[in-house]
Amino acid sequence: LSGLETLSILFQSWTIDRVITSFYSIEDDQRSVEWIFSTSRVTGYCQLKYLIPDILPDYVDKVIYFDTDMLILEDIAILNSYITEMISKGRMYFSIPS
């Protein structure tokens, strides 16, 4: 199975309310970041997070990016309030209060 097929099957097997998954071709976008130096073997994929606004269609107005090594222990829906706060303050990051 290809990566796309594997991910499609995985996401279809999860029953998560209000979650819609979509997959996008990144081949052209990956070529546009090949020139960026990195010591990582997966450089092209790591750099693609910077191109998320270019990769996604215009009707997508909010994105939560999770790196592959993150472990999510709480409901990710609470992150929406952080996005709203970031937009209101013109930030590209947030810090979670402890």
PDB file of N, CA and C in Angstrom:
ATOM      1  N   LEU A   1       0.830  -1.194   0.000  1.00  0.00           N
ATOM      2  CA  LEU A   1       0.000   0.000   0.000  1.00  0.00           C
ATOM      3  C   LEU A   1       0.873   1.255   0.000  1.00  0.00           C
ATOM      4  N   SER A   2       0.388   2.263  -0.675  1.00  0.00           N
ATOM      5  CA  SER A   2       1.105   3.539  -0.667  1.00  0.00           C
ATOM      6  C   SER A   2       0.816   4.266   0.648  1.00  0.00           C
ATOM      7  N   GLY A   3       1.587   5.304   0.915  1.00  0.00           N
ATOM      8  CA  GLY A   3       1.361   6.100   2.113  1.00  0.00           C
ATOM      9  C   GLY A   3      -0.027   6.710   2.124  1.00  0.00           C
ATOM     10  N   LEU A   4      -0.477   7.189   0.969  1.00  0.00           N
ATOM     11  CA  LEU A   4      -1.805   7.782   0.856  1.00  0.00           C
ATOM     12  C   LEU A   4      -2.887   6.751   1.173  1.00  0.00           C
ATOM     13  N   GLU A   5      -2.747   5.547   0.625  1.00  0.00           N
ATOM     14  CA  GLU A   5      -3.731   4.491   0.889  1.00  0.00           C
ATOM     15  C   GLU A   5      -3.743   4.102   2.361  1.00  0.00           C
ATOM     16  N   THR A   6      -2.563   3.986   2.950  1.00  0.00           N
ATOM     17  CA  THR A   6      -2.455   3.613   4.365  1.00  0.00           C
ATOM     18  C   THR A   6      -3.124   4.664   5.251  1.00  0.00           C
ATOM     19  N   LEU A   7      -2.806   5.939   5.010  1.00  0.00           N
ATOM     20  CA  LEU A   7      -3.402   7.011   5.807  1.00  0.00           C
ATOM     21  C   LEU A   7      -4.915   7.088   5.607  1.00  0.00           C
ATOM     22  N   SER A   8      -5.380   6.885   4.382  1.00  0.00           N
ATOM     23  CA  SER A   8      -6.815   6.911   4.125  1.00  0.00           C
ATOM     24  C   SER A   8      -7.535   5.834   4.924  1.00  0.00           C
ATOM     25  N   ILE A   9      -6.988   4.633   4.926  1.00  0.00           N
ATOM     26  CA  ILE A   9      -7.582   3.542   5.691  1.00  0.00           C
ATOM     27  C   ILE A   9      -7.540   3.847   7.184  1.00  0.00           C
ATOM     28  N   LEU A  10      -6.421   4.355   7.663  1.00  0.00           N
ATOM     29  CA  LEU A  10      -6.285   4.679   9.075  1.00  0.00           C
ATOM     30  C   LEU A  10      -7.324   5.706   9.510  1.00  0.00           C
ATOM     31  N   PHE A  11      -7.441   6.815   8.772  1.00  0.00           N
ATOM     32  CA  PHE A  11      -8.384   7.861   9.154  1.00  0.00           C
ATOM     33  C   PHE A  11      -9.836   7.397   9.029  1.00  0.00           C
ATOM     34  N   GLN A  12     -10.130   6.533   8.074  1.00  0.00           N
ATOM     35  CA  GLN A  12     -11.490   6.011   7.942  1.00  0.00           C
ATOM     36  C   GLN A  12     -11.853   5.092   9.104  1.00  0.00           C
ATOM     37  N   SER A  13     -10.853   4.472   9.726  1.00  0.00           N
ATOM     38  CA  SER A  13     -11.122   3.550  10.835  1.00  0.00           C
ATOM     39  C   SER A  13     -11.363   4.287  12.154  1.00  0.00           C
ATOM     40  N   TRP A  14     -11.025   5.564  12.226  1.00  0.00           N
ATOM     41  CA  TRP A  14     -11.234   6.350  13.438  1.00  0.00           C
ATOM     42  C   TRP A  14     -12.619   6.970  13.392  1.00  0.00           C
ATOM     43  N   THR A  15     -13.295   6.984  14.508  1.00  0.00           N
ATOM     44  CA  THR A  15     -14.586   7.651  14.592  1.00  0.00           C
ATOM     45  C   THR A  15     -14.422   8.891  15.463  1.00  0.00           C
ATOM     46  N   ILE A  16     -14.098   9.983  14.812  1.00  0.00           N
ATOM     47  CA  ILE A  16     -13.871  11.249  15.509  1.00  0.00           C
ATOM     48  C   ILE A  16     -14.887  12.249  14.982  1.00  0.00           C
ATOM     49  N   ASP A  17     -15.734  12.759  15.877  1.00  0.00           N
ATOM     50  CA  ASP A  17     -16.740  13.746  15.481  1.00  0.00           C
ATOM     51  C   ASP A  17     -16.072  15.033  15.001  1.00  0.00           C
ATOM     52  N   ARG A  18     -16.671  15.647  14.007  1.00  0.00           N
ATOM     53  CA  ARG A  18     -16.272  16.961  13.484  1.00  0.00           C
ATOM     54  C   ARG A  18     -14.861  16.998  12.902  1.00  0.00           C
ATOM     55  N   VAL A  19     -14.320  15.874  12.509  1.00  0.00           N
ATOM     56  CA  VAL A  19     -12.994  15.859  11.893  1.00  0.00           C
ATOM     57  C   VAL A  19     -13.135  15.414  10.446  1.00  0.00           C
ATOM     58  N   ILE A  20     -12.643  16.233   9.558  1.00  0.00           N
ATOM     59  CA  ILE A  20     -12.650  15.917   8.135  1.00  0.00           C
ATOM     60  C   ILE A  20     -11.200  15.830   7.690  1.00  0.00           C
ATOM     61  N   THR A  21     -10.842  14.756   7.034  1.00  0.00           N
ATOM     62  CA  THR A  21      -9.465  14.615   6.556  1.00  0.00           C
ATOM     63  C   THR A  21      -9.434  14.784   5.039  1.00  0.00           C
ATOM     64  N   SER A  22      -8.389  15.418   4.564  1.00  0.00           N
ATOM     65  CA  SER A  22      -8.163  15.601   3.136  1.00  0.00           C
ATOM     66  C   SER A  22      -6.679  15.401   2.877  1.00  0.00           C
ATOM     67  N   PHE A  23      -6.357  14.956   1.682  1.00  0.00           N
ATOM     68  CA  PHE A  23      -4.971  14.737   1.303  1.00  0.00           C
ATOM     69  C   PHE A  23      -4.671  15.559   0.064  1.00  0.00           C
ATOM     70  N   TYR A  24      -3.462  16.126   0.016  1.00  0.00           N
ATOM     71  CA  TYR A  24      -3.072  17.012  -1.078  1.00  0.00           C
ATOM     72  C   TYR A  24      -1.732  16.562  -1.643  1.00  0.00           C
ATOM     73  N   SER A  25      -1.582  16.727  -2.941  1.00  0.00           N
ATOM     74  CA  SER A  25      -0.317  16.414  -3.592  1.00  0.00           C
ATOM     75  C   SER A  25       0.710  17.479  -3.211  1.00  0.00           C
ATOM     76  N   ILE A  26       1.909  17.032  -2.847  1.00  0.00           N
ATOM     77  CA  ILE A  26       2.944  17.982  -2.417  1.00  0.00           C
ATOM     78  C   ILE A  26       4.192  17.912  -3.292  1.00  0.00           C
ATOM     79  N   GLU A  27       4.132  17.164  -4.377  1.00  0.00           N
ATOM     80  CA  GLU A  27       5.331  16.974  -5.197  1.00  0.00           C
ATOM     81  C   GLU A  27       5.923  18.295  -5.683  1.00  0.00           C
ATOM     82  N   ASP A  28       5.101  19.172  -6.255  1.00  0.00           N
ATOM     83  CA  ASP A  28       5.611  20.456  -6.753  1.00  0.00           C
ATOM     84  C   ASP A  28       6.127  21.311  -5.612  1.00  0.00           C
ATOM     85  N   ASP A  29       5.413  21.309  -4.493  1.00  0.00           N
ATOM     86  CA  ASP A  29       5.828  22.104  -3.340  1.00  0.00           C
ATOM     87  C   ASP A  29       7.131  21.582  -2.747  1.00  0.00           C
ATOM     88  N   GLN A  30       7.305  20.277  -2.746  1.00  0.00           N
ATOM     89  CA  GLN A  30       8.529  19.688  -2.198  1.00  0.00           C
ATOM     90  C   GLN A  30       9.745  20.133  -3.006  1.00  0.00           C
ATOM     91  N   ARG A  31       9.604  20.204  -4.313  1.00  0.00           N
ATOM     92  CA  ARG A  31      10.724  20.659  -5.146  1.00  0.00           C
ATOM     93  C   ARG A  31      11.102  22.109  -4.839  1.00  0.00           C
ATOM     94  N   SER A  32      10.139  22.898  -4.413  1.00  0.00           N
ATOM     95  CA  SER A  32      10.433  24.313  -4.162  1.00  0.00           C
ATOM     96  C   SER A  32      11.214  24.544  -2.874  1.00  0.00           C
ATOM     97  N   VAL A  33      11.357  23.533  -2.031  1.00  0.00           N
ATOM     98  CA  VAL A  33      12.125  23.696  -0.792  1.00  0.00           C
ATOM     99  C   VAL A  33      13.390  22.831  -0.762  1.00  0.00           C
ATOM    100  N   GLU A  34      13.693  22.169  -1.851  1.00  0.00           N
ATOM    101  CA  GLU A  34      14.873  21.291  -1.889  1.00  0.00           C
ATOM    102  C   GLU A  34      16.180  22.041  -1.681  1.00  0.00           C
ATOM    103  N   TRP A  35      16.206  23.315  -2.007  1.00  0.00           N
ATOM    104  CA  TRP A  35      17.437  24.102  -1.906  1.00  0.00           C
ATOM    105  C   TRP A  35      17.792  24.461  -0.467  1.00  0.00           C
ATOM    106  N   ILE A  36      16.870  24.319   0.472  1.00  0.00           N
ATOM    107  CA  ILE A  36      17.108  24.723   1.859  1.00  0.00           C
ATOM    108  C   ILE A  36      18.005  23.691   2.540  1.00  0.00           C
ATOM    109  N   PHE A  37      19.126  24.144   3.077  1.00  0.00           N
ATOM    110  CA  PHE A  37      20.087  23.246   3.714  1.00  0.00           C
ATOM    111  C   PHE A  37      19.556  22.733   5.044  1.00  0.00           C
ATOM    112  N   SER A  38      19.761  21.461   5.278  1.00  0.00           N
ATOM    113  CA  SER A  38      19.409  20.859   6.560  1.00  0.00           C
ATOM    114  C   SER A  38      20.233  19.594   6.731  1.00  0.00           C
ATOM    115  N   THR A  39      20.504  19.251   7.960  1.00  0.00           N
ATOM    116  CA  THR A  39      21.230  18.012   8.238  1.00  0.00           C
ATOM    117  C   THR A  39      20.289  16.820   8.315  1.00  0.00           C
ATOM    118  N   SER A  40      18.981  17.068   8.253  1.00  0.00           N
ATOM    119  CA  SER A  40      17.988  15.999   8.327  1.00  0.00           C
ATOM    120  C   SER A  40      17.892  15.272   6.993  1.00  0.00           C
ATOM    121  N   ARG A  41      17.684  13.959   7.062  1.00  0.00           N
ATOM    122  CA  ARG A  41      17.514  13.174   5.838  1.00  0.00           C
ATOM    123  C   ARG A  41      16.143  13.398   5.201  1.00  0.00           C
ATOM    124  N   VAL A  42      15.195  13.905   5.956  1.00  0.00           N
ATOM    125  CA  VAL A  42      13.847  14.120   5.437  1.00  0.00           C
ATOM    126  C   VAL A  42      13.578  15.615   5.231  1.00  0.00           C
ATOM    127  N   THR A  43      14.596  16.332   4.831  1.00  0.00           N
ATOM    128  CA  THR A  43      14.545  17.785   4.700  1.00  0.00           C
ATOM    129  C   THR A  43      13.322  18.263   3.941  1.00  0.00           C
ATOM    130  N   GLY A  44      13.065  17.719   2.773  1.00  0.00           N
ATOM    131  CA  GLY A  44      11.951  18.186   1.951  1.00  0.00           C
ATOM    132  C   GLY A  44      10.633  18.159   2.684  1.00  0.00           C
ATOM    133  N   TYR A  45      10.397  17.109   3.426  1.00  0.00           N
ATOM    134  CA  TYR A  45       9.141  16.992   4.156  1.00  0.00           C
ATOM    135  C   TYR A  45       9.119  17.920   5.363  1.00  0.00           C
ATOM    136  N   CYS A  46      10.212  18.049   6.053  1.00  0.00           N
ATOM    137  CA  CYS A  46      10.276  18.926   7.229  1.00  0.00           C
ATOM    138  C   CYS A  46      10.028  20.378   6.848  1.00  0.00           C
ATOM    139  N   GLN A  47      10.537  20.804   5.716  1.00  0.00           N
ATOM    140  CA  GLN A  47      10.396  22.189   5.293  1.00  0.00           C
ATOM    141  C   GLN A  47       9.001  22.509   4.767  1.00  0.00           C
ATOM    142  N   LEU A  48       8.237  21.499   4.410  1.00  0.00           N
ATOM    143  CA  LEU A  48       6.912  21.736   3.830  1.00  0.00           C
ATOM    144  C   LEU A  48       5.945  22.415   4.795  1.00  0.00           C
ATOM    145  N   LYS A  49       6.183  22.295   6.098  1.00  0.00           N
ATOM    146  CA  LYS A  49       5.282  22.947   7.048  1.00  0.00           C
ATOM    147  C   LYS A  49       5.248  24.460   6.832  1.00  0.00           C
ATOM    148  N   TYR A  50       6.321  25.014   6.283  1.00  0.00           N
ATOM    149  CA  TYR A  50       6.355  26.445   6.008  1.00  0.00           C
ATOM    150  C   TYR A  50       5.505  26.822   4.797  1.00  0.00           C
ATOM    151  N   LEU A  51       5.146  25.841   3.997  1.00  0.00           N
ATOM    152  CA  LEU A  51       4.363  26.088   2.785  1.00  0.00           C
ATOM    153  C   LEU A  51       2.898  25.711   2.938  1.00  0.00           C
ATOM    154  N   ILE A  52       2.460  25.409   4.150  1.00  0.00           N
ATOM    155  CA  ILE A  52       1.072  24.995   4.366  1.00  0.00           C
ATOM    156  C   ILE A  52       0.078  25.981   3.743  1.00  0.00           C
ATOM    157  N   PRO A  53       0.255  27.292   3.903  1.00  0.00           N
ATOM    158  CA  PRO A  53      -0.702  28.215   3.275  1.00  0.00           C
ATOM    159  C   PRO A  53      -0.731  28.114   1.748  1.00  0.00           C
ATOM    160  N   ASP A  54       0.384  27.735   1.137  1.00  0.00           N
ATOM    161  CA  ASP A  54       0.433  27.591  -0.318  1.00  0.00           C
ATOM    162  C   ASP A  54      -0.139  26.253  -0.780  1.00  0.00           C
ATOM    163  N   ILE A  55      -0.024  25.231   0.028  1.00  0.00           N
ATOM    164  CA  ILE A  55      -0.470  23.889  -0.339  1.00  0.00           C
ATOM    165  C   ILE A  55      -1.984  23.745  -0.211  1.00  0.00           C
ATOM    166  N   LEU A  56      -2.545  24.297   0.845  1.00  0.00           N
ATOM    167  CA  LEU A  56      -3.971  24.121   1.105  1.00  0.00           C
ATOM    168  C   LEU A  56      -4.821  25.062   0.261  1.00  0.00           C
ATOM    169  N   PRO A  57      -6.052  24.646  -0.040  1.00  0.00           N
ATOM    170  CA  PRO A  57      -6.946  25.516  -0.812  1.00  0.00           C
ATOM    171  C   PRO A  57      -7.325  26.768  -0.013  1.00  0.00           C
ATOM    172  N   ASP A  58      -7.764  27.790  -0.720  1.00  0.00           N
ATOM    173  CA  ASP A  58      -8.072  29.076  -0.091  1.00  0.00           C
ATOM    174  C   ASP A  58      -9.214  29.011   0.917  1.00  0.00           C
ATOM    175  N   TYR A  59     -10.120  28.038   0.772  1.00  0.00           N
ATOM    176  CA  TYR A  59     -11.255  27.982   1.696  1.00  0.00           C
ATOM    177  C   TYR A  59     -10.865  27.464   3.087  1.00  0.00           C
ATOM    178  N   VAL A  60      -9.659  26.958   3.252  1.00  0.00           N
ATOM    179  CA  VAL A  60      -9.192  26.521   4.568  1.00  0.00           C
ATOM    180  C   VAL A  60      -8.691  27.758   5.301  1.00  0.00           C
ATOM    181  N   ASP A  61      -9.345  28.088   6.425  1.00  0.00           N
ATOM    182  CA  ASP A  61      -8.958  29.311   7.121  1.00  0.00           C
ATOM    183  C   ASP A  61      -8.220  29.070   8.427  1.00  0.00           C
ATOM    184  N   LYS A  62      -8.192  27.825   8.927  1.00  0.00           N
ATOM    185  CA  LYS A  62      -7.451  27.509  10.145  1.00  0.00           C
ATOM    186  C   LYS A  62      -6.777  26.152   9.982  1.00  0.00           C
ATOM    187  N   VAL A  63      -5.549  26.079  10.480  1.00  0.00           N
ATOM    188  CA  VAL A  63      -4.800  24.829  10.416  1.00  0.00           C
ATOM    189  C   VAL A  63      -4.094  24.620  11.741  1.00  0.00           C
ATOM    190  N   ILE A  64      -4.162  23.408  12.243  1.00  0.00           N
ATOM    191  CA  ILE A  64      -3.369  23.037  13.402  1.00  0.00           C
ATOM    192  C   ILE A  64      -2.372  21.994  12.910  1.00  0.00           C
ATOM    193  N   TYR A  65      -1.109  22.322  12.990  1.00  0.00           N
ATOM    194  CA  TYR A  65      -0.046  21.434  12.511  1.00  0.00           C
ATOM    195  C   TYR A  65       0.539  20.666  13.690  1.00  0.00           C
ATOM    196  N   PHE A  66       0.542  19.360  13.578  1.00  0.00           N
ATOM    197  CA  PHE A  66       1.168  18.507  14.583  1.00  0.00           C
ATOM    198  C   PHE A  66       2.340  17.804  13.937  1.00  0.00           C
ATOM    199  N   ASP A  67       3.488  17.893  14.547  1.00  0.00           N
ATOM    200  CA  ASP A  67       4.648  17.178  14.044  1.00  0.00           C
ATOM    201  C   ASP A  67       4.473  15.695  14.359  1.00  0.00           C
ATOM    202  N   THR A  68       5.180  14.856  13.645  1.00  0.00           N
ATOM    203  CA  THR A  68       4.984  13.413  13.790  1.00  0.00           C
ATOM    204  C   THR A  68       5.452  12.855  15.124  1.00  0.00           C
ATOM    205  N   ASP A  69       6.259  13.601  15.856  1.00  0.00           N
ATOM    206  CA  ASP A  69       6.749  13.086  17.138  1.00  0.00           C
ATOM    207  C   ASP A  69       5.963  13.637  18.328  1.00  0.00           C
ATOM    208  N   MET A  70       4.815  14.244  18.067  1.00  0.00           N
ATOM    209  CA  MET A  70       4.001  14.792  19.155  1.00  0.00           C
ATOM    210  C   MET A  70       3.045  13.722  19.679  1.00  0.00           C
ATOM    211  N   LEU A  71       2.847  13.742  20.966  1.00  0.00           N
ATOM    212  CA  LEU A  71       1.889  12.853  21.613  1.00  0.00           C
ATOM    213  C   LEU A  71       0.778  13.733  22.166  1.00  0.00           C
ATOM    214  N   ILE A  72      -0.430  13.544  21.693  1.00  0.00           N
ATOM    215  CA  ILE A  72      -1.569  14.363  22.099  1.00  0.00           C
ATOM    216  C   ILE A  72      -2.294  13.637  23.224  1.00  0.00           C
ATOM    217  N   LEU A  73      -2.396  14.291  24.383  1.00  0.00           N
ATOM    218  CA  LEU A  73      -3.006  13.668  25.554  1.00  0.00           C
ATOM    219  C   LEU A  73      -4.344  14.291  25.935  1.00  0.00           C
ATOM    220  N   GLU A  74      -4.724  15.374  25.295  1.00  0.00           N
ATOM    221  CA  GLU A  74      -5.980  16.064  25.606  1.00  0.00           C
ATOM    222  C   GLU A  74      -6.780  16.260  24.324  1.00  0.00           C
ATOM    223  N   ASP A  75      -7.979  16.764  24.473  1.00  0.00           N
ATOM    224  CA  ASP A  75      -8.848  17.065  23.347  1.00  0.00           C
ATOM    225  C   ASP A  75      -8.238  18.210  22.536  1.00  0.00           C
ATOM    226  N   ILE A  76      -7.975  17.973  21.261  1.00  0.00           N
ATOM    227  CA  ILE A  76      -7.341  19.002  20.438  1.00  0.00           C
ATOM    228  C   ILE A  76      -8.291  20.157  20.124  1.00  0.00           C
ATOM    229  N   ALA A  77      -9.572  20.006  20.414  1.00  0.00           N
ATOM    230  CA  ALA A  77     -10.536  21.073  20.146  1.00  0.00           C
ATOM    231  C   ALA A  77     -10.208  22.338  20.933  1.00  0.00           C
ATOM    232  N   ILE A  78      -9.577  22.199  22.090  1.00  0.00           N
ATOM    233  CA  ILE A  78      -9.247  23.392  22.884  1.00  0.00           C
ATOM    234  C   ILE A  78      -8.224  24.274  22.176  1.00  0.00           C
ATOM    235  N   LEU A  79      -7.510  23.721  21.228  1.00  0.00           N
ATOM    236  CA  LEU A  79      -6.536  24.528  20.494  1.00  0.00           C
ATOM    237  C   LEU A  79      -7.197  25.613  19.656  1.00  0.00           C
ATOM    238  N   ASN A  80      -8.472  25.436  19.321  1.00  0.00           N
ATOM    239  CA  ASN A  80      -9.178  26.447  18.541  1.00  0.00           C
ATOM    240  C   ASN A  80      -9.197  27.793  19.263  1.00  0.00           C
ATOM    241  N   SER A  81      -9.358  27.776  20.582  1.00  0.00           N
ATOM    242  CA  SER A  81      -9.358  29.038  21.323  1.00  0.00           C
ATOM    243  C   SER A  81      -7.983  29.701  21.270  1.00  0.00           C
ATOM    244  N   TYR A  82      -6.932  28.902  21.237  1.00  0.00           N
ATOM    245  CA  TYR A  82      -5.589  29.464  21.109  1.00  0.00           C
ATOM    246  C   TYR A  82      -5.392  30.095  19.732  1.00  0.00           C
ATOM    247  N   ILE A  83      -5.950  29.473  18.708  1.00  0.00           N
ATOM    248  CA  ILE A  83      -5.836  30.043  17.362  1.00  0.00           C
ATOM    249  C   ILE A  83      -6.530  31.393  17.315  1.00  0.00           C
ATOM    250  N   THR A  84      -7.735  31.474  17.903  1.00  0.00           N
ATOM    251  CA  THR A  84      -8.464  32.733  17.941  1.00  0.00           C
ATOM    252  C   THR A  84      -7.644  33.808  18.653  1.00  0.00           C
ATOM    253  N   GLU A  85      -7.010  33.441  19.762  1.00  0.00           N
ATOM    254  CA  GLU A  85      -6.179  34.390  20.505  1.00  0.00           C
ATOM    255  C   GLU A  85      -4.972  34.817  19.676  1.00  0.00           C
ATOM    256  N   MET A  86      -4.337  33.863  18.996  1.00  0.00           N
ATOM    257  CA  MET A  86      -3.169  34.199  18.169  1.00  0.00           C
ATOM    258  C   MET A  86      -3.548  35.183  17.074  1.00  0.00           C
ATOM    259  N   ILE A  87      -4.681  34.946  16.418  1.00  0.00           N
ATOM    260  CA  ILE A  87      -5.128  35.833  15.346  1.00  0.00           C
ATOM    261  C   ILE A  87      -5.383  37.232  15.895  1.00  0.00           C
ATOM    262  N   SER A  88      -6.032  37.310  17.046  1.00  0.00           N
ATOM    263  CA  SER A  88      -6.351  38.628  17.614  1.00  0.00           C
ATOM    264  C   SER A  88      -5.101  39.397  18.026  1.00  0.00           C
ATOM    265  N   LYS A  89      -4.019  38.687  18.350  1.00  0.00           N
ATOM    266  CA  LYS A  89      -2.776  39.346  18.778  1.00  0.00           C
ATOM    267  C   LYS A  89      -1.723  39.391  17.679  1.00  0.00           C
ATOM    268  N   GLY A  90      -2.051  38.848  16.491  1.00  0.00           N
ATOM    269  CA  GLY A  90      -1.110  38.861  15.380  1.00  0.00           C
ATOM    270  C   GLY A  90       0.084  37.963  15.597  1.00  0.00           C
ATOM    271  N   ARG A  91      -0.101  36.865  16.315  1.00  0.00           N
ATOM    272  CA  ARG A  91       1.005  35.950  16.608  1.00  0.00           C
ATOM    273  C   ARG A  91       0.946  34.722  15.710  1.00  0.00           C
ATOM    274  N   MET A  92       2.095  34.046  15.612  1.00  0.00           N
ATOM    275  CA  MET A  92       2.176  32.786  14.888  1.00  0.00           C
ATOM    276  C   MET A  92       2.474  31.636  15.836  1.00  0.00           C
ATOM    277  N   TYR A  93       2.369  31.877  17.117  1.00  0.00           N
ATOM    278  CA  TYR A  93       2.681  30.841  18.109  1.00  0.00           C
ATOM    279  C   TYR A  93       1.809  31.081  19.337  1.00  0.00           C
ATOM    280  N   PHE A  94       1.795  30.145  20.229  1.00  0.00           N
ATOM    281  CA  PHE A  94       1.131  30.333  21.508  1.00  0.00           C
ATOM    282  C   PHE A  94       1.870  29.553  22.570  1.00  0.00           C
ATOM    283  N   SER A  95       1.668  29.961  23.804  1.00  0.00           N
ATOM    284  CA  SER A  95       2.225  29.195  24.911  1.00  0.00           C
ATOM    285  C   SER A  95       1.064  28.724  25.775  1.00  0.00           C
ATOM    286  N   ILE A  96       1.099  27.486  26.146  1.00  0.00           N
ATOM    287  CA  ILE A  96       0.017  26.910  26.939  1.00  0.00           C
ATOM    288  C   ILE A  96       0.316  27.166  28.413  1.00  0.00           C
ATOM    289  N   PRO A  97      -0.633  27.794  29.114  1.00  0.00           N
ATOM    290  CA  PRO A  97      -0.397  28.040  30.543  1.00  0.00           C
ATOM    291  C   PRO A  97      -0.303  26.734  31.305  1.00  0.00           C
ATOM    292  N   SER A  98       0.563  26.700  32.318  1.00  0.00           N
ATOM    293  CA  SER A  98       0.713  25.467  33.087  1.00  0.00           C
ATOM    294  C   SER A  98      -0.187  25.455  34.296  1.00  0.00           C
TER     295      SER A  98
END
